[in-house]
Amino acid sequence: MTSSRPRISKAVIPAAGLGTRFLPATKATPKEMLPVVDKPAIQYVVEEAVTAGLPDVLMVTGRNKRPLEDHFDRNYELEEVLRSKGDVHKLDRVQESSDLATMHYVRQGDPKGLGHAILCAAPHVGDQPFAVLLGDDLIDPRDPLLTHMVRVQEERGGSVIALMEVEPASIHLYGCAAATPTHTPDVVQVSDLVEKPSPAEAPSNLAIIGRYVLDPGVFEVLRKTEPGRGGEIQITDALQAMAADPTLGGPVHGVVFRGRRYDTGDRGDYLRAIVRLACEREDLGPEFRAWLREYVAGEMAGPLED
């Protein structure tokens, strides 16, 4: 049965954060431009949106984010140098990012939270459903989470959030969902959301991760949402209202993700993401894995004693 709901084509990527956990590297370089192997983290996120059928991408930026725009723009001087050298491979890699999607940019201005950043996208998005991708979460392309979420939204309407089962002791780091199963595996209906609850207050171990497919009704809800935790406008609070009252743009469903996710917002996870992705590359993996095995074996053996 073919859905009559509007086809989703737009993605919003909030990218106005200061990246303080990676100082001093992010003093003059946006955290989104930190390399994961040989591509900036933000390019993986844009590629994911395009793969899910969303070729229209709006980045919500702030001060010192100009390198993001430059990365997805043409660099004619560099391209000409590579062309004159006959370096077709590197030329293709350079042009890949500028040909990837139709890119748009808007400044957030005051850093009032994720909900406010999403609200900045309202003039561009209009009255159509859209996706939101947070740049700190890299989803392995072999696990098409966003594609699945778009399909769920087109079938069921309302909004869809990505959820992940975490240890109860870690739930205070995330937004948390109260949910009931549906007849579709890994799809749940959300009845309540709590932003960063204590383990004792958490309604489940289902944590919200950085992928959303939202009904445009979220904009009106966000306009009426008071600052919440941390003095910021929280998207979790807006989605909680929509889950409680579907006339606001609900219902809210969740897709429980059990695939490969790399958190590049944490320094340790960022390093682990680089190692994992490098190991899986055909051009880098064999040599890198051999070195890694040798290095780990040496570390396990410990220092030699006289």
C-alpha atoms as a PDB file:
ATOM      1  CA  MET A   1       0.000   0.000   0.000  1.00  0.00           C
ATOM      2  CA  THR A   2       1.496   3.327  -1.083  1.00  0.00           C
ATOM      3  CA  SER A   3       1.597   6.109   1.523  1.00  0.00           C
ATOM      4  CA  SER A   4      -0.036   9.437   0.633  1.00  0.00           C
ATOM      5  CA  ARG A   5       2.117  11.307   3.139  1.00  0.00           C
ATOM      6  CA  PRO A   6       4.543  13.898   1.753  1.00  0.00           C
ATOM      7  CA  ARG A   7       7.980  12.578   0.797  1.00  0.00           C
ATOM      8  CA  ILE A   8      10.708  13.765   3.136  1.00  0.00           C
ATOM      9  CA  SER A   9      13.547  15.503   1.307  1.00  0.00           C
ATOM     10  CA  LYS A  10      15.125  17.916   3.815  1.00  0.00           C
ATOM     11  CA  ALA A  11      17.648  17.319   6.562  1.00  0.00           C
ATOM     12  CA  VAL A  12      18.733  19.733   9.297  1.00  0.00           C
ATOM     13  CA  ILE A  13      22.147  19.428  10.954  1.00  0.00           C
ATOM     14  CA  PRO A  14      22.673  21.597  14.058  1.00  0.00           C
ATOM     15  CA  ALA A  15      26.342  22.600  14.067  1.00  0.00           C
ATOM     16  CA  ALA A  16      26.625  25.670  16.285  1.00  0.00           C
ATOM     17  CA  GLY A  17      28.274  24.046  19.314  1.00  0.00           C
ATOM     18  CA  LEU A  18      31.639  25.217  20.634  1.00  0.00           C
ATOM     19  CA  GLY A  19      33.228  21.783  20.993  1.00  0.00           C
ATOM     20  CA  THR A  20      34.774  22.593  24.375  1.00  0.00           C
ATOM     21  CA  ARG A  21      35.562  18.931  25.130  1.00  0.00           C
ATOM     22  CA  PHE A  22      38.152  18.993  22.339  1.00  0.00           C
ATOM     23  CA  LEU A  23      39.971  22.191  23.278  1.00  0.00           C
ATOM     24  CA  PRO A  24      42.513  23.381  22.265  1.00  0.00           C
ATOM     25  CA  ALA A  25      41.985  21.586  18.922  1.00  0.00           C
ATOM     26  CA  THR A  26      38.622  23.332  18.504  1.00  0.00           C
ATOM     27  CA  LYS A  27      39.825  26.799  19.447  1.00  0.00           C
ATOM     28  CA  ALA A  28      39.993  27.774  15.753  1.00  0.00           C
ATOM     29  CA  THR A  29      38.625  24.626  14.072  1.00  0.00           C
ATOM     30  CA  PRO A  30      34.960  23.589  14.316  1.00  0.00           C
ATOM     31  CA  LYS A  31      34.570  20.264  16.090  1.00  0.00           C
ATOM     32  CA  GLU A  32      32.556  19.036  13.088  1.00  0.00           C
ATOM     33  CA  MET A  33      35.683  19.404  10.948  1.00  0.00           C
ATOM     34  CA  LEU A  34      37.861  17.145  13.098  1.00  0.00           C
ATOM     35  CA  PRO A  35      38.982  14.264  10.850  1.00  0.00           C
ATOM     36  CA  VAL A  36      37.696  10.730  11.252  1.00  0.00           C
ATOM     37  CA  VAL A  37      40.413   8.888   9.328  1.00  0.00           C
ATOM     38  CA  ASP A  38      40.574  11.163   6.251  1.00  0.00           C
ATOM     39  CA  LYS A  39      37.166  12.855   6.155  1.00  0.00           C
ATOM     40  CA  PRO A  40      35.758  15.440   8.559  1.00  0.00           C
ATOM     41  CA  ALA A  41      33.098  14.034  10.866  1.00  0.00           C
ATOM     42  CA  ILE A  42      30.420  16.277   9.348  1.00  0.00           C
ATOM     43  CA  GLN A  43      30.837  14.721   5.896  1.00  0.00           C
ATOM     44  CA  TYR A  44      29.814  11.301   7.211  1.00  0.00           C
ATOM     45  CA  VAL A  45      26.611  12.877   8.540  1.00  0.00           C
ATOM     46  CA  VAL A  46      25.776  14.612   5.246  1.00  0.00           C
ATOM     47  CA  GLU A  47      26.469  11.367   3.368  1.00  0.00           C
ATOM     48  CA  GLU A  48      24.034   9.564   5.658  1.00  0.00           C
ATOM     49  CA  ALA A  49      21.296  12.104   4.914  1.00  0.00           C
ATOM     50  CA  VAL A  50      21.851  11.799   1.171  1.00  0.00           C
ATOM     51  CA  THR A  51      21.867   7.989   1.322  1.00  0.00           C
ATOM     52  CA  ALA A  52      18.486   8.156   3.092  1.00  0.00           C
ATOM     53  CA  GLY A  53      17.080  10.183   0.176  1.00  0.00           C
ATOM     54  CA  LEU A  54      17.428  13.656   1.712  1.00  0.00           C
ATOM     55  CA  PRO A  55      19.483  15.724  -0.766  1.00  0.00           C
ATOM     56  CA  ASP A  56      18.503  19.128   0.688  1.00  0.00           C
ATOM     57  CA  VAL A  57      20.645  19.831   3.773  1.00  0.00           C
ATOM     58  CA  LEU A  58      20.455  22.863   6.070  1.00  0.00           C
ATOM     59  CA  MET A  59      23.244  23.429   8.581  1.00  0.00           C
ATOM     60  CA  VAL A  60      22.463  25.561  11.610  1.00  0.00           C
ATOM     61  CA  THR A  61      25.798  27.202  12.404  1.00  0.00           C
ATOM     62  CA  GLY A  62      27.319  29.878  14.619  1.00  0.00           C
ATOM     63  CA  ARG A  63      30.479  31.927  14.903  1.00  0.00           C
ATOM     64  CA  ASN A  64      33.731  30.429  13.586  1.00  0.00           C
ATOM     65  CA  LYS A  65      31.898  27.824  11.484  1.00  0.00           C
ATOM     66  CA  ARG A  66      32.953  29.163   8.085  1.00  0.00           C
ATOM     67  CA  PRO A  67      35.172  26.101   7.419  1.00  0.00           C
ATOM     68  CA  LEU A  68      31.985  24.007   7.219  1.00  0.00           C
ATOM     69  CA  GLU A  69      30.734  26.105   4.318  1.00  0.00           C
ATOM     70  CA  ASP A  70      34.146  26.048   2.651  1.00  0.00           C
ATOM     71  CA  HIS A  71      34.363  22.257   2.884  1.00  0.00           C
ATOM     72  CA  PHE A  72      31.108  21.734   0.990  1.00  0.00           C
ATOM     73  CA  ASP A  73      31.933  24.468  -1.543  1.00  0.00           C
ATOM     74  CA  ARG A  74      34.142  24.244  -4.630  1.00  0.00           C
ATOM     75  CA  ASN A  75      37.879  24.907  -4.302  1.00  0.00           C
ATOM     76  CA  TYR A  76      38.782  25.821  -7.859  1.00  0.00           C
ATOM     77  CA  GLU A  77      42.468  26.538  -7.178  1.00  0.00           C
ATOM     78  CA  LEU A  78      43.055  23.173  -5.492  1.00  0.00           C
ATOM     79  CA  GLU A  79      41.054  21.356  -8.150  1.00  0.00           C
ATOM     80  CA  GLU A  80      43.103  22.949 -10.918  1.00  0.00           C
ATOM     81  CA  VAL A  81      46.394  21.988  -9.251  1.00  0.00           C
ATOM     82  CA  LEU A  82      45.251  18.366  -8.910  1.00  0.00           C
ATOM     83  CA  ARG A  83      43.937  18.346 -12.472  1.00  0.00           C
ATOM     84  CA  SER A  84      47.218  19.677 -13.845  1.00  0.00           C
ATOM     85  CA  LYS A  85      49.101  16.933 -11.992  1.00  0.00           C
ATOM     86  CA  GLY A  86      46.753  14.278 -13.335  1.00  0.00           C
ATOM     87  CA  ASP A  87      45.869  13.228  -9.790  1.00  0.00           C
ATOM     88  CA  VAL A  88      42.366  12.050 -10.631  1.00  0.00           C
ATOM     89  CA  HIS A  89      41.852  10.136  -7.385  1.00  0.00           C
ATOM     90  CA  LYS A  90      42.470  13.129  -5.134  1.00  0.00           C
ATOM     91  CA  LEU A  91      40.490  15.387  -7.478  1.00  0.00           C
ATOM     92  CA  ASP A  92      37.501  13.073  -7.169  1.00  0.00           C
ATOM     93  CA  ARG A  93      37.810  13.070  -3.367  1.00  0.00           C
ATOM     94  CA  VAL A  94      37.934  16.874  -3.254  1.00  0.00           C
ATOM     95  CA  GLN A  95      34.928  17.268  -5.561  1.00  0.00           C
ATOM     96  CA  GLU A  96      32.955  14.591  -3.725  1.00  0.00           C
ATOM     97  CA  SER A  97      31.990  16.873  -0.845  1.00  0.00           C
ATOM     98  CA  SER A  98      30.946  19.798  -3.058  1.00  0.00           C
ATOM     99  CA  ASP A  99      28.768  17.553  -5.251  1.00  0.00           C
ATOM    100  CA  LEU A 100      27.244  15.636  -2.349  1.00  0.00           C
ATOM    101  CA  ALA A 101      24.084  17.631  -1.568  1.00  0.00           C
ATOM    102  CA  THR A 102      22.331  20.950  -1.983  1.00  0.00           C
ATOM    103  CA  MET A 103      23.690  22.798   1.034  1.00  0.00           C
ATOM    104  CA  HIS A 104      22.112  25.720   2.892  1.00  0.00           C
ATOM    105  CA  TYR A 105      23.216  27.570   6.025  1.00  0.00           C
ATOM    106  CA  VAL A 106      21.569  29.652   8.741  1.00  0.00           C
ATOM    107  CA  ARG A 107      23.088  31.202  11.864  1.00  0.00           C
ATOM    108  CA  GLN A 108      21.609  30.264  15.236  1.00  0.00           C
ATOM    109  CA  GLY A 109      22.834  33.436  16.924  1.00  0.00           C
ATOM    110  CA  ASP A 110      22.102  32.949  20.619  1.00  0.00           C
ATOM    111  CA  PRO A 111      22.987  29.417  21.810  1.00  0.00           C
ATOM    112  CA  LYS A 112      19.633  28.546  23.371  1.00  0.00           C
ATOM    113  CA  GLY A 113      19.766  24.786  22.974  1.00  0.00           C
ATOM    114  CA  LEU A 114      18.972  22.086  20.442  1.00  0.00           C
ATOM    115  CA  GLY A 115      15.272  22.959  20.344  1.00  0.00           C
ATOM    116  CA  HIS A 116      16.122  26.542  19.436  1.00  0.00           C
ATOM    117  CA  ALA A 117      18.586  25.382  16.754  1.00  0.00           C
ATOM    118  CA  ILE A 118      15.833  23.264  15.174  1.00  0.00           C
ATOM    119  CA  LEU A 119      13.443  26.200  15.352  1.00  0.00           C
ATOM    120  CA  CYS A 120      15.940  28.249  13.303  1.00  0.00           C
ATOM    121  CA  ALA A 121      15.253  25.815  10.439  1.00  0.00           C
ATOM    122  CA  ALA A 122      11.520  26.608  10.259  1.00  0.00           C
ATOM    123  CA  PRO A 123      11.666  29.119   7.349  1.00  0.00           C
ATOM    124  CA  HIS A 124      13.659  26.655   5.240  1.00  0.00           C
ATOM    125  CA  VAL A 125      11.693  23.527   6.113  1.00  0.00           C
ATOM    126  CA  GLY A 126       8.183  24.994   5.809  1.00  0.00           C
ATOM    127  CA  ASP A 127       5.262  22.649   6.391  1.00  0.00           C
ATOM    128  CA  GLN A 128       6.916  19.364   5.423  1.00  0.00           C
ATOM    129  CA  PRO A 129       8.320  16.609   7.658  1.00  0.00           C
ATOM    130  CA  PHE A 130      12.103  16.710   7.939  1.00  0.00           C
ATOM    131  CA  ALA A 131      15.045  14.905   9.520  1.00  0.00           C
ATOM    132  CA  VAL A 132      17.466  16.175  12.154  1.00  0.00           C
ATOM    133  CA  LEU A 133      20.936  14.633  12.400  1.00  0.00           C
ATOM    134  CA  LEU A 134      23.298  15.480  15.241  1.00  0.00           C
ATOM    135  CA  GLY A 135      26.910  15.582  14.163  1.00  0.00           C
ATOM    136  CA  ASP A 136      28.337  13.870  17.261  1.00  0.00           C
ATOM    137  CA  ASP A 137      26.644  10.584  16.352  1.00  0.00           C
ATOM    138  CA  LEU A 138      28.110   8.737  13.376  1.00  0.00           C
ATOM    139  CA  ILE A 139      25.965   5.810  12.253  1.00  0.00           C
ATOM    140  CA  ASP A 140      27.734   3.081  10.310  1.00  0.00           C
ATOM    141  CA  PRO A 141      26.500   3.163   6.681  1.00  0.00           C
ATOM    142  CA  ARG A 142      25.934  -0.602   6.843  1.00  0.00           C
ATOM    143  CA  ASP A 143      23.178   0.053   9.411  1.00  0.00           C
ATOM    144  CA  PRO A 144      20.716   2.374   7.600  1.00  0.00           C
ATOM    145  CA  LEU A 145      18.990   3.802  10.667  1.00  0.00           C
ATOM    146  CA  LEU A 146      17.776   7.044   9.083  1.00  0.00           C
ATOM    147  CA  THR A 147      16.361   5.240   6.038  1.00  0.00           C
ATOM    148  CA  HIS A 148      14.321   3.040   8.387  1.00  0.00           C
ATOM    149  CA  MET A 149      13.130   6.060  10.392  1.00  0.00           C
ATOM    150  CA  VAL A 150      11.995   7.883   7.247  1.00  0.00           C
ATOM    151  CA  ARG A 151      10.019   4.818   6.195  1.00  0.00           C
ATOM    152  CA  VAL A 152       8.370   4.565   9.624  1.00  0.00           C
ATOM    153  CA  GLN A 153       7.376   8.246   9.508  1.00  0.00           C
ATOM    154  CA  GLU A 154       5.940   7.935   6.012  1.00  0.00           C
ATOM    155  CA  GLU A 155       3.888   4.936   7.109  1.00  0.00           C
ATOM    156  CA  ARG A 156       2.713   6.178  10.516  1.00  0.00           C
ATOM    157  CA  GLY A 157       2.957   9.986  10.370  1.00  0.00           C
ATOM    158  CA  GLY A 158       3.906  12.156  13.319  1.00  0.00           C
ATOM    159  CA  SER A 159       7.504  12.116  14.510  1.00  0.00           C
ATOM    160  CA  VAL A 160      10.084   9.354  14.900  1.00  0.00           C
ATOM    161  CA  ILE A 161      13.080   9.336  17.234  1.00  0.00           C
ATOM    162  CA  ALA A 162      16.077   7.015  17.392  1.00  0.00           C
ATOM    163  CA  LEU A 163      16.449   5.033  20.604  1.00  0.00           C
ATOM    164  CA  MET A 164      19.211   2.829  21.943  1.00  0.00           C
ATOM    165  CA  GLU A 165      19.277   0.498  24.923  1.00  0.00           C
ATOM    166  CA  VAL A 166      21.901   1.603  27.465  1.00  0.00           C
ATOM    167  CA  GLU A 167      22.995   0.472  30.901  1.00  0.00           C
ATOM    168  CA  PRO A 168      20.656   1.975  33.537  1.00  0.00           C
ATOM    169  CA  ALA A 169      23.628   3.639  35.242  1.00  0.00           C
ATOM    170  CA  SER A 170      24.293   5.641  32.035  1.00  0.00           C
ATOM    171  CA  ILE A 171      20.740   6.835  31.367  1.00  0.00           C
ATOM    172  CA  HIS A 172      21.393  10.178  33.096  1.00  0.00           C
ATOM    173  CA  LEU A 173      23.554  11.132  30.093  1.00  0.00           C
ATOM    174  CA  TYR A 174      20.603  10.970  27.673  1.00  0.00           C
ATOM    175  CA  GLY A 175      17.008  11.837  27.080  1.00  0.00           C
ATOM    176  CA  CYS A 176      14.941   8.792  28.017  1.00  0.00           C
ATOM    177  CA  ALA A 177      11.717   7.380  26.545  1.00  0.00           C
ATOM    178  CA  ALA A 178       8.772   5.529  28.053  1.00  0.00           C
ATOM    179  CA  ALA A 179       7.477   3.330  25.249  1.00  0.00           C
ATOM    180  CA  THR A 180       5.302   0.364  24.384  1.00  0.00           C
ATOM    181  CA  PRO A 181       5.959  -2.199  21.620  1.00  0.00           C
ATOM    182  CA  THR A 182       4.113  -2.146  18.297  1.00  0.00           C
ATOM    183  CA  HIS A 183       3.517  -5.017  15.901  1.00  0.00           C
ATOM    184  CA  THR A 184       6.665  -3.977  14.008  1.00  0.00           C
ATOM    185  CA  PRO A 185       9.978  -5.238  15.427  1.00  0.00           C
ATOM    186  CA  ASP A 186      12.217  -2.452  16.808  1.00  0.00           C
ATOM    187  CA  VAL A 187       9.412   0.147  16.485  1.00  0.00           C
ATOM    188  CA  VAL A 188       7.806   1.418  19.696  1.00  0.00           C
ATOM    189  CA  GLN A 189       5.180   4.043  20.492  1.00  0.00           C
ATOM    190  CA  VAL A 190       6.485   6.729  22.822  1.00  0.00           C
ATOM    191  CA  SER A 191       4.209   7.928  25.617  1.00  0.00           C
ATOM    192  CA  ASP A 192       6.623  10.071  27.621  1.00  0.00           C
ATOM    193  CA  LEU A 193      10.117  11.554  27.454  1.00  0.00           C
ATOM    194  CA  VAL A 194      12.413  12.732  30.247  1.00  0.00           C
ATOM    195  CA  GLU A 195      15.598  14.745  29.698  1.00  0.00           C
ATOM    196  CA  LYS A 196      18.620  13.202  31.475  1.00  0.00           C
ATOM    197  CA  PRO A 197      16.803  11.511  34.372  1.00  0.00           C
ATOM    198  CA  SER A 198      18.526   9.869  37.313  1.00  0.00           C
ATOM    199  CA  PRO A 199      18.517   6.040  37.131  1.00  0.00           C
ATOM    200  CA  ALA A 200      15.809   5.971  39.804  1.00  0.00           C
ATOM    201  CA  GLU A 201      13.555   8.350  37.824  1.00  0.00           C
ATOM    202  CA  ALA A 202      14.145   6.876  34.361  1.00  0.00           C
ATOM    203  CA  PRO A 203      11.051   5.232  32.849  1.00  0.00           C
ATOM    204  CA  SER A 204      13.192   2.771  30.839  1.00  0.00           C
ATOM    205  CA  ASN A 205      16.723   2.140  29.566  1.00  0.00           C
ATOM    206  CA  LEU A 206      15.828   3.514  26.105  1.00  0.00           C
ATOM    207  CA  ALA A 207      18.072   6.495  25.432  1.00  0.00           C
ATOM    208  CA  ILE A 208      17.480   9.049  22.681  1.00  0.00           C
ATOM    209  CA  ILE A 209      20.358   9.267  20.213  1.00  0.00           C
ATOM    210  CA  GLY A 210      20.981  11.931  17.610  1.00  0.00           C
ATOM    211  CA  ARG A 211      18.531  11.125  14.827  1.00  0.00           C
ATOM    212  CA  TYR A 212      14.992  12.529  14.524  1.00  0.00           C
ATOM    213  CA  VAL A 213      12.341  12.638  11.812  1.00  0.00           C
ATOM    214  CA  LEU A 214       9.946  15.391  12.816  1.00  0.00           C
ATOM    215  CA  ASP A 215       6.489  16.562  11.917  1.00  0.00           C
ATOM    216  CA  PRO A 216       6.507  20.300  11.081  1.00  0.00           C
ATOM    217  CA  GLY A 217       4.101  20.828  13.981  1.00  0.00           C
ATOM    218  CA  VAL A 218       7.202  20.693  16.169  1.00  0.00           C
ATOM    219  CA  PHE A 219       7.977  24.311  15.258  1.00  0.00           C
ATOM    220  CA  GLU A 220       4.821  25.680  16.860  1.00  0.00           C
ATOM    221  CA  VAL A 221       5.416  23.529  19.935  1.00  0.00           C
ATOM    222  CA  LEU A 222       9.007  24.761  20.196  1.00  0.00           C
ATOM    223  CA  ARG A 223       7.844  28.386  19.995  1.00  0.00           C
ATOM    224  CA  LYS A 224       5.786  27.743  23.135  1.00  0.00           C
ATOM    225  CA  THR A 225       8.350  25.606  24.948  1.00  0.00           C
ATOM    226  CA  GLU A 226       9.943  27.292  27.940  1.00  0.00           C
ATOM    227  CA  PRO A 227      13.656  26.792  28.633  1.00  0.00           C
ATOM    228  CA  GLY A 228      14.135  23.549  30.519  1.00  0.00           C
ATOM    229  CA  ARG A 229      17.164  21.666  31.770  1.00  0.00           C
ATOM    230  CA  GLY A 230      20.293  23.803  31.572  1.00  0.00           C
ATOM    231  CA  GLY A 231      18.234  26.896  30.778  1.00  0.00           C
ATOM    232  CA  GLU A 232      17.915  25.750  27.153  1.00  0.00           C
ATOM    233  CA  ILE A 233      14.971  24.981  24.873  1.00  0.00           C
ATOM    234  CA  GLN A 234      14.957  21.197  24.774  1.00  0.00           C
ATOM    235  CA  ILE A 235      13.643  19.201  21.812  1.00  0.00           C
ATOM    236  CA  THR A 236      12.868  16.452  24.351  1.00  0.00           C
ATOM    237  CA  ASP A 237      10.337  18.727  26.075  1.00  0.00           C
ATOM    238  CA  ALA A 238       8.641  19.544  22.753  1.00  0.00           C
ATOM    239  CA  LEU A 239       8.441  15.865  21.778  1.00  0.00           C
ATOM    240  CA  GLN A 240       7.047  15.031  25.213  1.00  0.00           C
ATOM    241  CA  ALA A 241       4.176  17.463  24.569  1.00  0.00           C
ATOM    242  CA  MET A 242       3.587  15.952  21.112  1.00  0.00           C
ATOM    243  CA  ALA A 243       3.544  12.421  22.506  1.00  0.00           C
ATOM    244  CA  ALA A 244       0.960  13.458  25.103  1.00  0.00           C
ATOM    245  CA  ASP A 245      -1.212  15.318  22.566  1.00  0.00           C
ATOM    246  CA  PRO A 246      -1.000  13.874  19.014  1.00  0.00           C
ATOM    247  CA  THR A 247      -2.951  16.871  17.633  1.00  0.00           C
ATOM    248  CA  LEU A 248       0.252  18.904  18.095  1.00  0.00           C
ATOM    249  CA  GLY A 249       2.079  16.815  15.499  1.00  0.00           C
ATOM    250  CA  GLY A 250       2.127  13.356  17.004  1.00  0.00           C
ATOM    251  CA  PRO A 251       2.112  10.521  17.492  1.00  0.00           C
ATOM    252  CA  VAL A 252       5.738   9.921  18.438  1.00  0.00           C
ATOM    253  CA  HIS A 253       7.308   6.586  17.565  1.00  0.00           C
ATOM    254  CA  GLY A 254      10.793   5.304  18.272  1.00  0.00           C
ATOM    255  CA  VAL A 255      13.097   3.046  16.301  1.00  0.00           C
ATOM    256  CA  VAL A 256      15.270   0.977  18.641  1.00  0.00           C
ATOM    257  CA  PHE A 257      18.721   0.926  17.052  1.00  0.00           C
ATOM    258  CA  ARG A 258      21.021  -2.033  17.671  1.00  0.00           C
ATOM    259  CA  GLY A 259      23.627  -1.303  15.031  1.00  0.00           C
ATOM    260  CA  ARG A 260      27.022   0.379  14.977  1.00  0.00           C
ATOM    261  CA  ARG A 261      27.198   3.916  16.333  1.00  0.00           C
ATOM    262  CA  TYR A 262      30.270   6.047  16.934  1.00  0.00           C
ATOM    263  CA  ASP A 263      30.081   8.914  19.429  1.00  0.00           C
ATOM    264  CA  THR A 264      32.587  11.490  18.172  1.00  0.00           C
ATOM    265  CA  GLY A 265      31.582  14.002  20.849  1.00  0.00           C
ATOM    266  CA  ASP A 266      33.589  12.088  23.459  1.00  0.00           C
ATOM    267  CA  ARG A 267      37.368  12.004  23.146  1.00  0.00           C
ATOM    268  CA  GLY A 268      37.708   8.320  23.943  1.00  0.00           C
ATOM    269  CA  ASP A 269      34.872   7.283  21.629  1.00  0.00           C
ATOM    270  CA  TYR A 270      36.270   9.585  18.940  1.00  0.00           C
ATOM    271  CA  LEU A 271      39.576   7.693  19.022  1.00  0.00           C
ATOM    272  CA  ARG A 272      37.779   4.352  19.025  1.00  0.00           C
ATOM    273  CA  ALA A 273      35.711   5.437  16.022  1.00  0.00           C
ATOM    274  CA  ILE A 274      38.852   6.263  14.061  1.00  0.00           C
ATOM    275  CA  VAL A 275      40.411   2.892  14.900  1.00  0.00           C
ATOM    276  CA  ARG A 276      37.273   0.935  13.981  1.00  0.00           C
ATOM    277  CA  LEU A 277      36.704   2.737  10.697  1.00  0.00           C
ATOM    278  CA  ALA A 278      40.380   2.581   9.731  1.00  0.00           C
ATOM    279  CA  CYS A 279      40.472  -1.165  10.436  1.00  0.00           C
ATOM    280  CA  GLU A 280      37.528  -1.706   8.087  1.00  0.00           C
ATOM    281  CA  ARG A 281      38.954   0.267   5.171  1.00  0.00           C
ATOM    282  CA  GLU A 282      40.211  -1.891   2.300  1.00  0.00           C
ATOM    283  CA  ASP A 283      43.043   0.530   1.553  1.00  0.00           C
ATOM    284  CA  LEU A 284      44.166   0.990   5.168  1.00  0.00           C
ATOM    285  CA  GLY A 285      42.801  -1.944   7.109  1.00  0.00           C
ATOM    286  CA  PRO A 286      45.228  -4.821   6.440  1.00  0.00           C
ATOM    287  CA  GLU A 287      48.402  -2.873   7.249  1.00  0.00           C
ATOM    288  CA  PHE A 288      46.788  -0.957  10.118  1.00  0.00           C
ATOM    289  CA  ARG A 289      45.333  -4.094  11.729  1.00  0.00           C
ATOM    290  CA  ALA A 290      48.733  -5.813  11.546  1.00  0.00           C
ATOM    291  CA  TRP A 291      50.375  -2.835  13.271  1.00  0.00           C
ATOM    292  CA  LEU A 292      47.583  -2.668  15.850  1.00  0.00           C
ATOM    293  CA  ARG A 293      47.933  -6.354  16.743  1.00  0.00           C
ATOM    294  CA  GLU A 294      51.676  -5.905  17.195  1.00  0.00           C
ATOM    295  CA  TYR A 295      51.191  -2.759  19.267  1.00  0.00           C
ATOM    296  CA  VAL A 296      48.545  -4.320  21.531  1.00  0.00           C
ATOM    297  CA  ALA A 297      50.646  -7.459  21.996  1.00  0.00           C
ATOM    298  CA  GLY A 298      53.551  -5.275  23.076  1.00  0.00           C
ATOM    299  CA  GLU A 299      51.365  -3.349  25.505  1.00  0.00           C
ATOM    300  CA  MET A 300      49.970  -6.563  26.982  1.00  0.00           C
ATOM    301  CA  ALA A 301      53.459  -7.984  27.437  1.00  0.00           C
ATOM    302  CA  GLY A 302      54.519  -4.925  29.433  1.00  0.00           C
ATOM    303  CA  PRO A 303      58.008  -3.476  29.756  1.00  0.00           C
ATOM    304  CA  LEU A 304      60.940  -5.879  29.564  1.00  0.00           C
ATOM    305  CA  GLU A 305      62.794  -6.427  32.836  1.00  0.00           C
ATOM    306  CA  ASP A 306      66.557  -6.797  33.184  1.00  0.00           C
END
